[in-house]
Amino acid sequence: MSICEPESSEDFKRYYFLRWKILRKPLDLPLGSERDDIEDKAIHLMVCKKDRIPIAVGRLHFNSDEEAQIRFMAVDERYQGKGIGTMLLKELERRARENGARYVVLNARESVINFYRKNGYFAVGKPFVLLETIYHLKMKKFLY
């Protein structure tokens, strides 16, 4: 298993498909809804088992020099609970730190709040609704 950045158009196709499959398809959202307008400014990572087929994906971008944000973290259902999400999260944090961020923020779905808490994140504010039906909690972690 390895962590890599998608490089080819085929890599990105697989990367975005997994993001859609895990995060958007269950909400009946169309292909393409898993992307936003800052994809080209972000760091994209994927965990691959073999042949560059992603089993987990995540994205990091910067909101300011000090603040990095993790978005679109997704782990294939067959691999959840095996430490793969933690491995990916640690690498995203490492990249944030390496690029000068002092802290990371993210919007955690209600179902994964405990995962992020176990990895050192704490709540910032109150839960809110995104995508019309899913409760999220803004969370933060200092990197020093």
N, C-alpha and C. Protein backbone atom coordinates (compact mmCIF):
# COMPACT_ATOMS: atom_id res chain seq x y z
N MET A 1 0.84 -1.17 0.00
CA MET A 1 0.00 0.00 0.00
C MET A 1 0.89 1.24 0.00
N SER A 2 0.53 2.22 -0.81
CA SER A 2 1.34 3.43 -0.88
C SER A 2 0.46 4.66 -1.01
N ILE A 3 1.01 5.79 -0.58
CA ILE A 3 0.34 7.08 -0.75
C ILE A 3 1.03 7.79 -1.90
N CYS A 4 0.25 8.28 -2.82
CA CYS A 4 0.82 9.00 -3.96
C CYS A 4 -0.14 10.10 -4.40
N GLU A 5 0.37 10.95 -5.25
CA GLU A 5 -0.46 11.98 -5.87
C GLU A 5 -0.94 11.46 -7.21
N PRO A 6 -2.19 11.71 -7.55
CA PRO A 6 -2.63 11.35 -8.90
C PRO A 6 -1.83 12.16 -9.91
N GLU A 7 -1.39 11.50 -10.98
CA GLU A 7 -0.56 12.17 -11.99
C GLU A 7 -1.20 12.18 -13.36
N SER A 8 -1.68 11.05 -13.80
CA SER A 8 -2.24 10.94 -15.15
C SER A 8 -3.74 11.25 -15.14
N SER A 9 -4.28 11.42 -16.32
CA SER A 9 -5.73 11.65 -16.42
C SER A 9 -6.48 10.42 -15.89
N GLU A 10 -5.93 9.24 -16.09
CA GLU A 10 -6.57 8.02 -15.57
C GLU A 10 -6.53 8.00 -14.04
N ASP A 11 -5.41 8.43 -13.45
CA ASP A 11 -5.32 8.55 -11.99
C ASP A 11 -6.41 9.47 -11.47
N PHE A 12 -6.54 10.65 -12.10
CA PHE A 12 -7.53 11.61 -11.63
C PHE A 12 -8.95 11.09 -11.83
N LYS A 13 -9.17 10.39 -12.91
CA LYS A 13 -10.50 9.81 -13.15
C LYS A 13 -10.86 8.85 -12.02
N ARG A 14 -9.95 7.99 -11.63
CA ARG A 14 -10.18 7.03 -10.54
C ARG A 14 -10.31 7.74 -9.19
N TYR A 15 -9.47 8.74 -8.99
CA TYR A 15 -9.48 9.53 -7.75
C TYR A 15 -10.85 10.19 -7.56
N TYR A 16 -11.30 10.91 -8.56
CA TYR A 16 -12.59 11.60 -8.46
C TYR A 16 -13.75 10.62 -8.38
N PHE A 17 -13.65 9.49 -9.05
CA PHE A 17 -14.73 8.51 -9.00
C PHE A 17 -14.90 7.97 -7.58
N LEU A 18 -13.80 7.67 -6.91
CA LEU A 18 -13.91 7.17 -5.53
C LEU A 18 -14.51 8.25 -4.63
N ARG A 19 -14.09 9.48 -4.81
CA ARG A 19 -14.65 10.59 -4.04
C ARG A 19 -16.16 10.66 -4.23
N TRP A 20 -16.59 10.57 -5.48
CA TRP A 20 -18.03 10.62 -5.78
C TRP A 20 -18.75 9.41 -5.18
N LYS A 21 -18.19 8.23 -5.38
CA LYS A 21 -18.83 6.98 -4.93
C LYS A 21 -19.09 6.99 -3.42
N ILE A 22 -18.12 7.47 -2.64
CA ILE A 22 -18.25 7.44 -1.19
C ILE A 22 -19.01 8.65 -0.65
N LEU A 23 -18.75 9.82 -1.19
CA LEU A 23 -19.29 11.05 -0.60
C LEU A 23 -20.54 11.61 -1.27
N ARG A 24 -20.75 11.36 -2.53
CA ARG A 24 -21.86 11.99 -3.23
C ARG A 24 -22.93 11.01 -3.73
N LYS A 25 -22.52 9.86 -4.22
CA LYS A 25 -23.50 8.89 -4.74
C LYS A 25 -24.56 8.52 -3.70
N PRO A 26 -24.20 8.28 -2.43
CA PRO A 26 -25.24 7.95 -1.44
C PRO A 26 -26.28 9.05 -1.25
N LEU A 27 -25.96 10.26 -1.68
CA LEU A 27 -26.89 11.38 -1.58
C LEU A 27 -27.62 11.63 -2.89
N ASP A 28 -27.43 10.71 -3.84
CA ASP A 28 -28.03 10.83 -5.17
C ASP A 28 -27.57 12.10 -5.90
N LEU A 29 -26.32 12.49 -5.66
CA LEU A 29 -25.76 13.63 -6.37
C LEU A 29 -25.00 13.13 -7.60
N PRO A 30 -25.01 13.91 -8.66
CA PRO A 30 -24.42 13.45 -9.92
C PRO A 30 -22.89 13.47 -9.92
N LEU A 31 -22.32 12.69 -10.83
CA LEU A 31 -20.88 12.77 -11.08
C LEU A 31 -20.55 14.22 -11.41
N GLY A 32 -19.47 14.70 -10.90
CA GLY A 32 -19.09 16.10 -11.07
C GLY A 32 -19.34 16.90 -9.81
N SER A 33 -20.28 16.44 -8.97
CA SER A 33 -20.60 17.15 -7.73
C SER A 33 -19.50 16.98 -6.68
N GLU A 34 -18.56 16.08 -6.95
CA GLU A 34 -17.45 15.82 -6.03
C GLU A 34 -16.27 16.77 -6.27
N ARG A 35 -16.46 17.75 -7.14
CA ARG A 35 -15.39 18.69 -7.47
C ARG A 35 -15.84 20.11 -7.17
N ASP A 36 -14.85 20.98 -6.95
CA ASP A 36 -15.17 22.39 -6.79
C ASP A 36 -14.19 23.23 -7.62
N ASP A 37 -14.25 24.52 -7.44
CA ASP A 37 -13.48 25.40 -8.32
C ASP A 37 -12.03 25.62 -7.91
N ILE A 38 -11.54 24.92 -6.88
CA ILE A 38 -10.13 25.09 -6.51
C ILE A 38 -9.34 23.79 -6.60
N GLU A 39 -9.83 22.84 -7.35
CA GLU A 39 -9.13 21.56 -7.51
C GLU A 39 -7.70 21.75 -8.01
N ASP A 40 -7.50 22.68 -8.92
CA ASP A 40 -6.17 22.87 -9.51
C ASP A 40 -5.20 23.59 -8.57
N LYS A 41 -5.69 24.10 -7.44
CA LYS A 41 -4.83 24.77 -6.46
C LYS A 41 -4.56 23.90 -5.24
N ALA A 42 -5.04 22.68 -5.25
CA ALA A 42 -4.99 21.81 -4.08
C ALA A 42 -3.96 20.69 -4.24
N ILE A 43 -3.63 20.09 -3.12
CA ILE A 43 -2.79 18.90 -3.08
C ILE A 43 -3.73 17.71 -2.98
N HIS A 44 -3.63 16.79 -3.92
CA HIS A 44 -4.48 15.60 -3.96
C HIS A 44 -3.64 14.39 -3.60
N LEU A 45 -4.14 13.57 -2.69
CA LEU A 45 -3.44 12.34 -2.33
C LEU A 45 -4.39 11.16 -2.41
N MET A 46 -3.82 10.01 -2.72
CA MET A 46 -4.60 8.78 -2.74
C MET A 46 -3.76 7.65 -2.18
N VAL A 47 -4.43 6.74 -1.50
CA VAL A 47 -3.79 5.52 -1.02
C VAL A 47 -4.16 4.44 -2.02
N CYS A 48 -3.13 3.79 -2.55
CA CYS A 48 -3.36 2.75 -3.56
C CYS A 48 -2.84 1.42 -3.06
N LYS A 49 -3.60 0.39 -3.34
CA LYS A 49 -3.17 -0.95 -2.98
C LYS A 49 -2.22 -1.50 -4.03
N LYS A 50 -2.61 -1.41 -5.28
CA LYS A 50 -1.74 -1.83 -6.40
C LYS A 50 -2.28 -1.20 -7.67
N ASP A 51 -1.45 -1.16 -8.69
CA ASP A 51 -1.86 -0.64 -10.00
C ASP A 51 -2.49 0.75 -9.94
N ARG A 52 -2.12 1.56 -8.94
CA ARG A 52 -2.61 2.92 -8.80
C ARG A 52 -4.13 3.00 -8.74
N ILE A 53 -4.76 1.96 -8.20
CA ILE A 53 -6.21 1.97 -7.98
C ILE A 53 -6.43 2.50 -6.56
N PRO A 54 -7.05 3.68 -6.42
CA PRO A 54 -7.19 4.26 -5.08
C PRO A 54 -8.22 3.52 -4.22
N ILE A 55 -7.86 3.38 -2.94
CA ILE A 55 -8.79 2.84 -1.95
C ILE A 55 -9.14 3.91 -0.91
N ALA A 56 -8.43 5.03 -0.97
CA ALA A 56 -8.71 6.19 -0.12
C ALA A 56 -8.18 7.43 -0.82
N VAL A 57 -8.87 8.54 -0.62
CA VAL A 57 -8.48 9.80 -1.25
C VAL A 57 -8.69 10.95 -0.27
N GLY A 58 -7.96 12.03 -0.49
CA GLY A 58 -8.13 13.23 0.32
C GLY A 58 -7.47 14.41 -0.35
N ARG A 59 -7.94 15.60 0.02
CA ARG A 59 -7.44 16.82 -0.60
C ARG A 59 -7.06 17.84 0.47
N LEU A 60 -6.02 18.59 0.18
CA LEU A 60 -5.54 19.65 1.06
C LEU A 60 -5.43 20.93 0.26
N HIS A 61 -5.96 22.01 0.82
CA HIS A 61 -5.73 23.31 0.21
C HIS A 61 -5.50 24.33 1.32
N PHE A 62 -5.05 25.50 0.94
CA PHE A 62 -4.73 26.54 1.93
C PHE A 62 -5.74 27.68 1.85
N ASN A 63 -6.28 28.04 3.02
CA ASN A 63 -7.19 29.18 3.12
C ASN A 63 -6.41 30.46 3.42
N SER A 64 -5.22 30.29 4.00
CA SER A 64 -4.30 31.40 4.28
C SER A 64 -2.91 30.78 4.46
N ASP A 65 -1.92 31.60 4.74
CA ASP A 65 -0.58 31.07 4.96
C ASP A 65 -0.53 30.12 6.15
N GLU A 66 -1.35 30.37 7.15
CA GLU A 66 -1.34 29.57 8.38
C GLU A 66 -2.38 28.46 8.39
N GLU A 67 -3.46 28.62 7.64
CA GLU A 67 -4.59 27.68 7.71
C GLU A 67 -4.70 26.79 6.48
N ALA A 68 -4.56 25.49 6.71
CA ALA A 68 -4.80 24.50 5.66
C ALA A 68 -6.16 23.85 5.93
N GLN A 69 -6.79 23.38 4.89
CA GLN A 69 -8.08 22.71 5.04
C GLN A 69 -8.05 21.37 4.32
N ILE A 70 -8.53 20.35 5.01
CA ILE A 70 -8.68 19.03 4.42
C ILE A 70 -10.13 18.89 3.99
N ARG A 71 -10.31 18.41 2.77
CA ARG A 71 -11.66 18.17 2.25
C ARG A 71 -11.68 16.86 1.48
N PHE A 72 -12.87 16.37 1.28
CA PHE A 72 -13.10 15.21 0.42
C PHE A 72 -12.31 13.97 0.83
N MET A 73 -12.16 13.75 2.13
CA MET A 73 -11.53 12.50 2.59
C MET A 73 -12.55 11.38 2.40
N ALA A 74 -12.11 10.29 1.79
CA ALA A 74 -13.00 9.16 1.57
C ALA A 74 -12.18 7.87 1.54
N VAL A 75 -12.68 6.86 2.22
CA VAL A 75 -12.05 5.54 2.22
C VAL A 75 -13.08 4.54 1.72
N ASP A 76 -12.69 3.74 0.75
CA ASP A 76 -13.57 2.69 0.22
C ASP A 76 -14.12 1.87 1.39
N GLU A 77 -15.40 1.56 1.35
CA GLU A 77 -16.06 0.85 2.45
C GLU A 77 -15.34 -0.43 2.85
N ARG A 78 -14.78 -1.13 1.88
CA ARG A 78 -14.11 -2.41 2.17
C ARG A 78 -12.84 -2.24 2.99
N TYR A 79 -12.32 -1.01 3.06
CA TYR A 79 -11.05 -0.77 3.74
C TYR A 79 -11.19 0.11 4.98
N GLN A 80 -12.41 0.48 5.31
CA GLN A 80 -12.61 1.33 6.49
C GLN A 80 -12.32 0.54 7.76
N GLY A 81 -11.82 1.23 8.77
CA GLY A 81 -11.51 0.60 10.05
C GLY A 81 -10.19 -0.15 10.08
N LYS A 82 -9.35 0.07 9.08
CA LYS A 82 -8.07 -0.65 8.99
C LYS A 82 -6.86 0.29 9.11
N GLY A 83 -7.09 1.53 9.51
CA GLY A 83 -5.99 2.48 9.69
C GLY A 83 -5.59 3.25 8.45
N ILE A 84 -6.28 3.00 7.35
CA ILE A 84 -5.92 3.66 6.10
C ILE A 84 -6.27 5.15 6.13
N GLY A 85 -7.42 5.47 6.70
CA GLY A 85 -7.82 6.87 6.83
C GLY A 85 -6.83 7.64 7.69
N THR A 86 -6.39 7.03 8.78
CA THR A 86 -5.42 7.67 9.65
C THR A 86 -4.10 7.90 8.92
N MET A 87 -3.67 6.91 8.17
CA MET A 87 -2.43 7.02 7.40
C MET A 87 -2.52 8.20 6.42
N LEU A 88 -3.64 8.29 5.72
CA LEU A 88 -3.84 9.38 4.75
C LEU A 88 -3.91 10.73 5.46
N LEU A 89 -4.64 10.79 6.56
CA LEU A 89 -4.77 12.02 7.32
C LEU A 89 -3.41 12.52 7.80
N LYS A 90 -2.58 11.64 8.31
CA LYS A 90 -1.25 12.02 8.79
C LYS A 90 -0.39 12.58 7.65
N GLU A 91 -0.52 12.01 6.47
CA GLU A 91 0.25 12.52 5.34
C GLU A 91 -0.27 13.88 4.89
N LEU A 92 -1.57 14.08 4.88
CA LEU A 92 -2.13 15.39 4.54
C LEU A 92 -1.66 16.43 5.55
N GLU A 93 -1.64 16.08 6.83
CA GLU A 93 -1.15 16.99 7.87
C GLU A 93 0.34 17.29 7.68
N ARG A 94 1.10 16.27 7.34
CA ARG A 94 2.53 16.46 7.10
C ARG A 94 2.76 17.45 5.96
N ARG A 95 1.98 17.29 4.90
CA ARG A 95 2.10 18.20 3.75
C ARG A 95 1.71 19.63 4.15
N ALA A 96 0.69 19.75 4.97
CA ALA A 96 0.27 21.07 5.45
C ALA A 96 1.40 21.73 6.23
N ARG A 97 1.96 20.98 7.17
CA ARG A 97 3.07 21.48 8.00
C ARG A 97 4.27 21.85 7.13
N GLU A 98 4.59 20.98 6.21
CA GLU A 98 5.72 21.19 5.30
C GLU A 98 5.57 22.48 4.48
N ASN A 99 4.33 22.85 4.21
CA ASN A 99 4.05 24.05 3.43
C ASN A 99 3.73 25.27 4.30
N GLY A 100 4.03 25.17 5.60
CA GLY A 100 3.94 26.33 6.48
C GLY A 100 2.67 26.51 7.29
N ALA A 101 1.73 25.60 7.18
CA ALA A 101 0.49 25.75 7.95
C ALA A 101 0.75 25.56 9.44
N ARG A 102 0.08 26.35 10.26
CA ARG A 102 0.15 26.19 11.72
C ARG A 102 -0.96 25.28 12.22
N TYR A 103 -2.06 25.23 11.46
CA TYR A 103 -3.18 24.39 11.87
C TYR A 103 -3.98 23.96 10.64
N VAL A 104 -4.80 22.93 10.87
CA VAL A 104 -5.66 22.37 9.82
C VAL A 104 -7.10 22.47 10.31
N VAL A 105 -8.00 22.81 9.40
CA VAL A 105 -9.43 22.78 9.68
C VAL A 105 -10.08 21.80 8.71
N LEU A 106 -11.26 21.33 9.09
CA LEU A 106 -12.06 20.47 8.21
C LEU A 106 -13.49 20.50 8.70
N ASN A 107 -14.40 20.10 7.83
CA ASN A 107 -15.81 19.96 8.17
C ASN A 107 -16.12 18.48 8.21
N ALA A 108 -16.24 17.93 9.41
CA ALA A 108 -16.44 16.49 9.57
C ALA A 108 -17.93 16.14 9.57
N ARG A 109 -18.26 15.15 8.77
CA ARG A 109 -19.61 14.62 8.84
C ARG A 109 -19.82 14.00 10.22
N GLU A 110 -21.05 14.02 10.66
CA GLU A 110 -21.40 13.50 11.99
C GLU A 110 -20.85 12.09 12.20
N SER A 111 -20.88 11.27 11.17
CA SER A 111 -20.47 9.87 11.28
C SER A 111 -18.98 9.67 11.50
N VAL A 112 -18.16 10.70 11.27
CA VAL A 112 -16.71 10.54 11.43
C VAL A 112 -16.08 11.51 12.43
N ILE A 113 -16.90 12.17 13.21
CA ILE A 113 -16.39 13.11 14.21
C ILE A 113 -15.45 12.40 15.17
N ASN A 114 -15.80 11.21 15.63
CA ASN A 114 -14.94 10.49 16.58
C ASN A 114 -13.60 10.10 15.95
N PHE A 115 -13.60 9.77 14.67
CA PHE A 115 -12.35 9.48 13.98
C PHE A 115 -11.41 10.68 14.08
N TYR A 116 -11.92 11.86 13.79
CA TYR A 116 -11.07 13.05 13.83
C TYR A 116 -10.67 13.39 15.27
N ARG A 117 -11.58 13.20 16.21
CA ARG A 117 -11.22 13.44 17.62
C ARG A 117 -10.06 12.54 18.04
N LYS A 118 -10.11 11.28 17.65
CA LYS A 118 -9.02 10.34 17.99
C LYS A 118 -7.70 10.77 17.37
N ASN A 119 -7.77 11.56 16.31
CA ASN A 119 -6.57 12.03 15.63
C ASN A 119 -6.19 13.45 16.02
N GLY A 120 -6.72 13.93 17.15
CA GLY A 120 -6.29 15.20 17.70
C GLY A 120 -7.07 16.44 17.31
N TYR A 121 -8.19 16.28 16.64
CA TYR A 121 -9.01 17.42 16.24
C TYR A 121 -10.03 17.75 17.32
N PHE A 122 -10.40 19.02 17.39
CA PHE A 122 -11.41 19.45 18.35
C PHE A 122 -12.45 20.31 17.64
N ALA A 123 -13.64 20.36 18.23
CA ALA A 123 -14.75 21.09 17.63
C ALA A 123 -14.53 22.59 17.71
N VAL A 124 -14.96 23.26 16.63
CA VAL A 124 -14.93 24.71 16.57
C VAL A 124 -16.35 25.13 16.18
N GLY A 125 -17.11 25.65 17.12
CA GLY A 125 -18.48 26.05 16.81
C GLY A 125 -19.47 24.92 17.01
N LYS A 126 -20.64 25.13 16.43
CA LYS A 126 -21.76 24.19 16.57
C LYS A 126 -21.99 23.44 15.27
N PRO A 127 -22.63 22.27 15.35
CA PRO A 127 -22.94 21.52 14.12
C PRO A 127 -23.78 22.35 13.15
N PHE A 128 -23.61 22.07 11.87
CA PHE A 128 -24.36 22.76 10.83
C PHE A 128 -24.67 21.76 9.72
N VAL A 129 -25.58 22.11 8.84
CA VAL A 129 -26.01 21.22 7.77
C VAL A 129 -25.36 21.64 6.45
N LEU A 130 -24.78 20.66 5.75
CA LEU A 130 -24.27 20.85 4.40
C LEU A 130 -24.96 19.84 3.50
N LEU A 131 -25.01 20.13 2.24
CA LEU A 131 -25.65 19.26 1.24
C LEU A 131 -27.09 18.95 1.63
N GLU A 132 -27.71 19.88 2.33
CA GLU A 132 -29.13 19.88 2.69
C GLU A 132 -29.55 18.83 3.71
N THR A 133 -28.73 17.81 3.96
CA THR A 133 -29.18 16.75 4.86
C THR A 133 -28.15 16.24 5.86
N ILE A 134 -26.89 16.60 5.70
CA ILE A 134 -25.84 15.98 6.51
C ILE A 134 -25.28 16.98 7.52
N TYR A 135 -25.36 16.57 8.79
CA TYR A 135 -24.77 17.41 9.83
C TYR A 135 -23.26 17.30 9.79
N HIS A 136 -22.62 18.44 9.92
CA HIS A 136 -21.15 18.55 9.93
C HIS A 136 -20.73 19.34 11.17
N LEU A 137 -19.50 19.17 11.53
CA LEU A 137 -18.92 19.93 12.63
C LEU A 137 -17.57 20.44 12.17
N LYS A 138 -17.35 21.74 12.27
CA LYS A 138 -16.04 22.28 11.93
C LYS A 138 -15.08 21.85 13.03
N MET A 139 -13.92 21.32 12.61
CA MET A 139 -12.92 20.84 13.55
C MET A 139 -11.57 21.43 13.18
N LYS A 140 -10.68 21.44 14.17
CA LYS A 140 -9.38 22.07 14.00
C LYS A 140 -8.31 21.27 14.74
N LYS A 141 -7.09 21.34 14.21
CA LYS A 141 -5.95 20.73 14.87
C LYS A 141 -4.73 21.62 14.66
N PHE A 142 -4.04 21.92 15.75
CA PHE A 142 -2.80 22.65 15.64
C PHE A 142 -1.70 21.67 15.28
N LEU A 143 -0.77 22.09 14.44
CA LEU A 143 0.24 21.19 13.92
C LEU A 143 1.58 21.26 14.65
N TYR A 144 1.69 22.07 15.65
CA TYR A 144 2.97 22.18 16.36
C TYR A 144 2.93 21.42 17.67
